[in-house]
């Protein structure tokens, strides 16, 4: 999607306005329209998409799948996690595992929790490039508040 007009200035807006703009692109129609269009995805070879909606291993999930949506602007690289309920813990950082397609949420009180889903194949190339993620709480389709947290990708060297 190429953004023009009022959306072209999205990156210069404050977080609350950017979150509203980004959420305006997220619709149920987009999800259902693309549901069967996953050729080339790991699950198109006979795997079950059900496996993508479970927490990884023994890790307790941070969110349930119905509690949040992930949005990545492939042009600007901005990455959002929109959620409805309050955050269960204060988030210190996110850790993305590109081999398992999972996100580990590291909390400020030392817990390591699975985000709750695998990152879907359509957004993986863009999600894996993000180094900052906006976690935005929404109510009735409007952003209420949000935080920006760092994200590291497992297996990459950290620049000092």
C-alpha atoms as a PDB file:
ATOM      1  CA  UNK A   1       0.000   0.000   0.000  1.00  0.00           C
ATOM      2  CA  UNK A   2       1.356   3.417  -0.911  1.00  0.00           C
ATOM      3  CA  UNK A   3       0.304   6.214   1.381  1.00  0.00           C
ATOM      4  CA  UNK A   4      -0.547   9.575  -0.090  1.00  0.00           C
ATOM      5  CA  UNK A   5      -2.250  12.746   1.031  1.00  0.00           C
ATOM      6  CA  UNK A   6      -2.907  13.081   4.742  1.00  0.00           C
ATOM      7  CA  UNK A   7      -1.359   9.643   5.488  1.00  0.00           C
ATOM      8  CA  UNK A   8       1.982  10.559   3.920  1.00  0.00           C
ATOM      9  CA  UNK A   9       2.778  12.695   6.966  1.00  0.00           C
ATOM     10  CA  UNK A  10       1.999   9.882   9.413  1.00  0.00           C
ATOM     11  CA  UNK A  11       5.581   9.576  10.690  1.00  0.00           C
ATOM     12  CA  UNK A  12       5.679  13.198  11.841  1.00  0.00           C
ATOM     13  CA  UNK A  13       2.553  12.908  13.996  1.00  0.00           C
ATOM     14  CA  UNK A  14       2.493  12.208  17.759  1.00  0.00           C
ATOM     15  CA  UNK A  15       2.062   8.561  18.819  1.00  0.00           C
ATOM     16  CA  UNK A  16      -1.636   8.899  19.649  1.00  0.00           C
ATOM     17  CA  UNK A  17      -2.440  10.258  16.189  1.00  0.00           C
ATOM     18  CA  UNK A  18      -0.191   7.737  14.411  1.00  0.00           C
ATOM     19  CA  UNK A  19      -1.915   4.892  16.240  1.00  0.00           C
ATOM     20  CA  UNK A  20      -5.338   6.128  15.135  1.00  0.00           C
ATOM     21  CA  UNK A  21      -4.160   6.406  11.535  1.00  0.00           C
ATOM     22  CA  UNK A  22      -2.571   2.982  11.570  1.00  0.00           C
ATOM     23  CA  UNK A  23      -5.631   1.398  13.120  1.00  0.00           C
ATOM     24  CA  UNK A  24      -7.771   2.887  10.346  1.00  0.00           C
ATOM     25  CA  UNK A  25      -6.015   0.545   7.903  1.00  0.00           C
ATOM     26  CA  UNK A  26      -6.790  -2.548   9.971  1.00  0.00           C
ATOM     27  CA  UNK A  27     -10.157  -4.048   9.050  1.00  0.00           C
ATOM     28  CA  UNK A  28     -11.784  -7.417   9.382  1.00  0.00           C
ATOM     29  CA  UNK A  29     -12.331  -7.386   5.592  1.00  0.00           C
ATOM     30  CA  UNK A  30      -8.568  -7.369   4.989  1.00  0.00           C
ATOM     31  CA  UNK A  31      -8.056 -10.391   7.229  1.00  0.00           C
ATOM     32  CA  UNK A  32     -10.867 -12.454   5.714  1.00  0.00           C
ATOM     33  CA  UNK A  33     -10.008 -11.384   2.154  1.00  0.00           C
ATOM     34  CA  UNK A  34      -6.433 -12.642   2.512  1.00  0.00           C
ATOM     35  CA  UNK A  35      -7.196 -15.689   4.651  1.00  0.00           C
ATOM     36  CA  UNK A  36      -6.885 -18.169   1.806  1.00  0.00           C
ATOM     37  CA  UNK A  37      -4.127 -16.276   0.006  1.00  0.00           C
ATOM     38  CA  UNK A  38      -1.100 -17.744   1.717  1.00  0.00           C
ATOM     39  CA  UNK A  39       0.775 -19.549  -1.025  1.00  0.00           C
ATOM     40  CA  UNK A  40       4.420 -19.743  -0.173  1.00  0.00           C
ATOM     41  CA  UNK A  41       3.695 -19.587   3.522  1.00  0.00           C
ATOM     42  CA  UNK A  42       5.043 -22.304   5.802  1.00  0.00           C
ATOM     43  CA  UNK A  43       1.481 -23.489   6.441  1.00  0.00           C
ATOM     44  CA  UNK A  44       0.544 -23.795   2.758  1.00  0.00           C
ATOM     45  CA  UNK A  45       2.395 -27.109   2.663  1.00  0.00           C
ATOM     46  CA  UNK A  46      -0.196 -28.833   4.843  1.00  0.00           C
ATOM     47  CA  UNK A  47       0.584 -27.463   8.315  1.00  0.00           C
ATOM     48  CA  UNK A  48      -2.227 -26.220  10.472  1.00  0.00           C
ATOM     49  CA  UNK A  49      -2.705 -22.519  11.066  1.00  0.00           C
ATOM     50  CA  UNK A  50      -4.017 -23.554  14.482  1.00  0.00           C
ATOM     51  CA  UNK A  51      -0.364 -23.986  15.470  1.00  0.00           C
ATOM     52  CA  UNK A  52       0.189 -20.248  14.936  1.00  0.00           C
ATOM     53  CA  UNK A  53      -2.374 -19.349  17.610  1.00  0.00           C
ATOM     54  CA  UNK A  54      -0.749 -21.021  20.565  1.00  0.00           C
ATOM     55  CA  UNK A  55       1.967 -19.929  22.904  1.00  0.00           C
ATOM     56  CA  UNK A  56       5.428 -21.288  22.220  1.00  0.00           C
ATOM     57  CA  UNK A  57       6.506 -24.239  24.308  1.00  0.00           C
ATOM     58  CA  UNK A  58       5.873 -23.871  28.024  1.00  0.00           C
ATOM     59  CA  UNK A  59       5.865 -20.068  27.985  1.00  0.00           C
ATOM     60  CA  UNK A  60       2.761 -18.414  29.372  1.00  0.00           C
ATOM     61  CA  UNK A  61       1.137 -16.156  26.731  1.00  0.00           C
ATOM     62  CA  UNK A  62       1.223 -12.390  27.285  1.00  0.00           C
ATOM     63  CA  UNK A  63      -2.022 -11.915  25.317  1.00  0.00           C
ATOM     64  CA  UNK A  64      -4.714 -14.219  23.984  1.00  0.00           C
ATOM     65  CA  UNK A  65      -5.105 -14.036  20.178  1.00  0.00           C
ATOM     66  CA  UNK A  66      -8.410 -12.140  20.424  1.00  0.00           C
ATOM     67  CA  UNK A  67      -6.841  -9.443  22.616  1.00  0.00           C
ATOM     68  CA  UNK A  68      -4.485  -7.889  20.071  1.00  0.00           C
ATOM     69  CA  UNK A  69      -3.567  -7.164  16.445  1.00  0.00           C
ATOM     70  CA  UNK A  70      -0.181  -6.570  14.860  1.00  0.00           C
ATOM     71  CA  UNK A  71       0.241  -3.860  12.236  1.00  0.00           C
ATOM     72  CA  UNK A  72       3.433  -3.113  10.314  1.00  0.00           C
ATOM     73  CA  UNK A  73       3.702  -0.185   7.939  1.00  0.00           C
ATOM     74  CA  UNK A  74       5.901  -1.674   5.231  1.00  0.00           C
ATOM     75  CA  UNK A  75       6.889   1.761   3.912  1.00  0.00           C
ATOM     76  CA  UNK A  76       7.938   3.462   7.139  1.00  0.00           C
ATOM     77  CA  UNK A  77       8.734   0.285   9.072  1.00  0.00           C
ATOM     78  CA  UNK A  78       6.683   1.411  12.052  1.00  0.00           C
ATOM     79  CA  UNK A  79       5.371  -1.577  13.977  1.00  0.00           C
ATOM     80  CA  UNK A  80       2.346  -1.562  16.247  1.00  0.00           C
ATOM     81  CA  UNK A  81       0.712  -4.035  18.577  1.00  0.00           C
ATOM     82  CA  UNK A  82      -2.838  -2.860  19.254  1.00  0.00           C
ATOM     83  CA  UNK A  83      -4.490  -4.391  22.322  1.00  0.00           C
ATOM     84  CA  UNK A  84      -7.754  -3.984  24.188  1.00  0.00           C
ATOM     85  CA  UNK A  85      -7.156  -5.044  27.791  1.00  0.00           C
ATOM     86  CA  UNK A  86      -4.594  -3.435  30.071  1.00  0.00           C
ATOM     87  CA  UNK A  87      -1.072  -4.826  29.855  1.00  0.00           C
ATOM     88  CA  UNK A  88      -0.720  -7.666  32.359  1.00  0.00           C
ATOM     89  CA  UNK A  89       2.890  -6.583  33.152  1.00  0.00           C
ATOM     90  CA  UNK A  90       5.212  -3.647  32.440  1.00  0.00           C
ATOM     91  CA  UNK A  91       7.182  -4.411  29.283  1.00  0.00           C
ATOM     92  CA  UNK A  92      10.961  -3.953  29.178  1.00  0.00           C
ATOM     93  CA  UNK A  93      11.599  -5.250  25.646  1.00  0.00           C
ATOM     94  CA  UNK A  94      10.523  -7.695  22.957  1.00  0.00           C
ATOM     95  CA  UNK A  95      12.717 -10.467  21.527  1.00  0.00           C
ATOM     96  CA  UNK A  96      11.847 -11.846  18.089  1.00  0.00           C
ATOM     97  CA  UNK A  97      12.967 -15.363  17.127  1.00  0.00           C
ATOM     98  CA  UNK A  98      13.055 -15.503  13.293  1.00  0.00           C
ATOM     99  CA  UNK A  99      13.444 -19.284  13.281  1.00  0.00           C
ATOM    100  CA  UNK A 100      10.326 -19.945  15.373  1.00  0.00           C
ATOM    101  CA  UNK A 101       8.445 -16.775  14.254  1.00  0.00           C
ATOM    102  CA  UNK A 102       7.658 -16.013  17.892  1.00  0.00           C
ATOM    103  CA  UNK A 103       8.004 -12.956  20.072  1.00  0.00           C
ATOM    104  CA  UNK A 104       9.152 -13.219  23.666  1.00  0.00           C
ATOM    105  CA  UNK A 105       7.957 -10.415  25.949  1.00  0.00           C
ATOM    106  CA  UNK A 106      10.505  -9.562  28.663  1.00  0.00           C
ATOM    107  CA  UNK A 107       8.823  -7.759  31.543  1.00  0.00           C
ATOM    108  CA  UNK A 108      10.351  -5.305  33.990  1.00  0.00           C
ATOM    109  CA  UNK A 109       9.733  -7.772  36.824  1.00  0.00           C
ATOM    110  CA  UNK A 110      11.845 -10.441  35.091  1.00  0.00           C
ATOM    111  CA  UNK A 111       9.197 -12.635  33.461  1.00  0.00           C
ATOM    112  CA  UNK A 112       9.639 -14.081  29.962  1.00  0.00           C
ATOM    113  CA  UNK A 113       6.259 -14.513  28.288  1.00  0.00           C
ATOM    114  CA  UNK A 114       5.323 -15.575  24.770  1.00  0.00           C
ATOM    115  CA  UNK A 115       3.379 -12.865  22.885  1.00  0.00           C
ATOM    116  CA  UNK A 116       0.657 -15.418  22.182  1.00  0.00           C
ATOM    117  CA  UNK A 117       0.915 -16.051  18.418  1.00  0.00           C
ATOM    118  CA  UNK A 118       3.436 -16.741  15.694  1.00  0.00           C
ATOM    119  CA  UNK A 119       4.170 -13.787  13.433  1.00  0.00           C
ATOM    120  CA  UNK A 120       2.290 -14.463  10.213  1.00  0.00           C
ATOM    121  CA  UNK A 121       4.235 -14.910   6.988  1.00  0.00           C
ATOM    122  CA  UNK A 122       2.846 -11.767   5.311  1.00  0.00           C
ATOM    123  CA  UNK A 123       4.373  -9.413   7.886  1.00  0.00           C
ATOM    124  CA  UNK A 124       7.517 -11.384   8.834  1.00  0.00           C
ATOM    125  CA  UNK A 125       9.909  -9.589   6.436  1.00  0.00           C
ATOM    126  CA  UNK A 126       8.808  -6.193   7.781  1.00  0.00           C
ATOM    127  CA  UNK A 127       8.371  -7.196  11.423  1.00  0.00           C
ATOM    128  CA  UNK A 128      11.891  -8.643  11.590  1.00  0.00           C
ATOM    129  CA  UNK A 129      13.364  -5.244  10.641  1.00  0.00           C
ATOM    130  CA  UNK A 130      11.641  -3.355  13.465  1.00  0.00           C
ATOM    131  CA  UNK A 131      13.802  -2.260  16.379  1.00  0.00           C
ATOM    132  CA  UNK A 132      11.117  -0.219  18.160  1.00  0.00           C
ATOM    133  CA  UNK A 133       7.534  -1.392  18.607  1.00  0.00           C
ATOM    134  CA  UNK A 134       4.585   0.740  19.674  1.00  0.00           C
ATOM    135  CA  UNK A 135       2.246  -1.138  22.013  1.00  0.00           C
ATOM    136  CA  UNK A 136      -1.032   0.785  21.901  1.00  0.00           C
ATOM    137  CA  UNK A 137      -4.135   0.181  24.009  1.00  0.00           C
ATOM    138  CA  UNK A 138      -7.378   0.829  22.142  1.00  0.00           C
ATOM    139  CA  UNK A 139     -10.999   1.183  23.107  1.00  0.00           C
ATOM    140  CA  UNK A 140     -13.843   1.299  20.577  1.00  0.00           C
ATOM    141  CA  UNK A 141     -11.353   1.619  17.726  1.00  0.00           C
ATOM    142  CA  UNK A 142      -9.565   4.649  19.191  1.00  0.00           C
ATOM    143  CA  UNK A 143      -6.112   4.713  20.770  1.00  0.00           C
ATOM    144  CA  UNK A 144      -6.173   5.331  24.520  1.00  0.00           C
ATOM    145  CA  UNK A 145      -2.480   5.204  25.430  1.00  0.00           C
ATOM    146  CA  UNK A 146       0.676   3.472  24.400  1.00  0.00           C
ATOM    147  CA  UNK A 147       4.325   2.759  24.985  1.00  0.00           C
ATOM    148  CA  UNK A 148       7.332   2.342  22.757  1.00  0.00           C
ATOM    149  CA  UNK A 149       9.602  -0.599  23.547  1.00  0.00           C
ATOM    150  CA  UNK A 150      12.828  -1.842  21.972  1.00  0.00           C
ATOM    151  CA  UNK A 151      12.860  -5.132  20.091  1.00  0.00           C
ATOM    152  CA  UNK A 152      15.881  -7.302  19.504  1.00  0.00           C
ATOM    153  CA  UNK A 153      16.113 -10.069  16.925  1.00  0.00           C
ATOM    154  CA  UNK A 154      17.689 -13.274  18.187  1.00  0.00           C
ATOM    155  CA  UNK A 155      20.858 -14.212  16.341  1.00  0.00           C
ATOM    156  CA  UNK A 156      21.779 -10.642  15.346  1.00  0.00           C
ATOM    157  CA  UNK A 157      24.791  -8.829  16.730  1.00  0.00           C
ATOM    158  CA  UNK A 158      24.029  -5.874  18.966  1.00  0.00           C
ATOM    159  CA  UNK A 159      25.670  -2.573  18.030  1.00  0.00           C
ATOM    160  CA  UNK A 160      27.171  -0.704  20.978  1.00  0.00           C
END
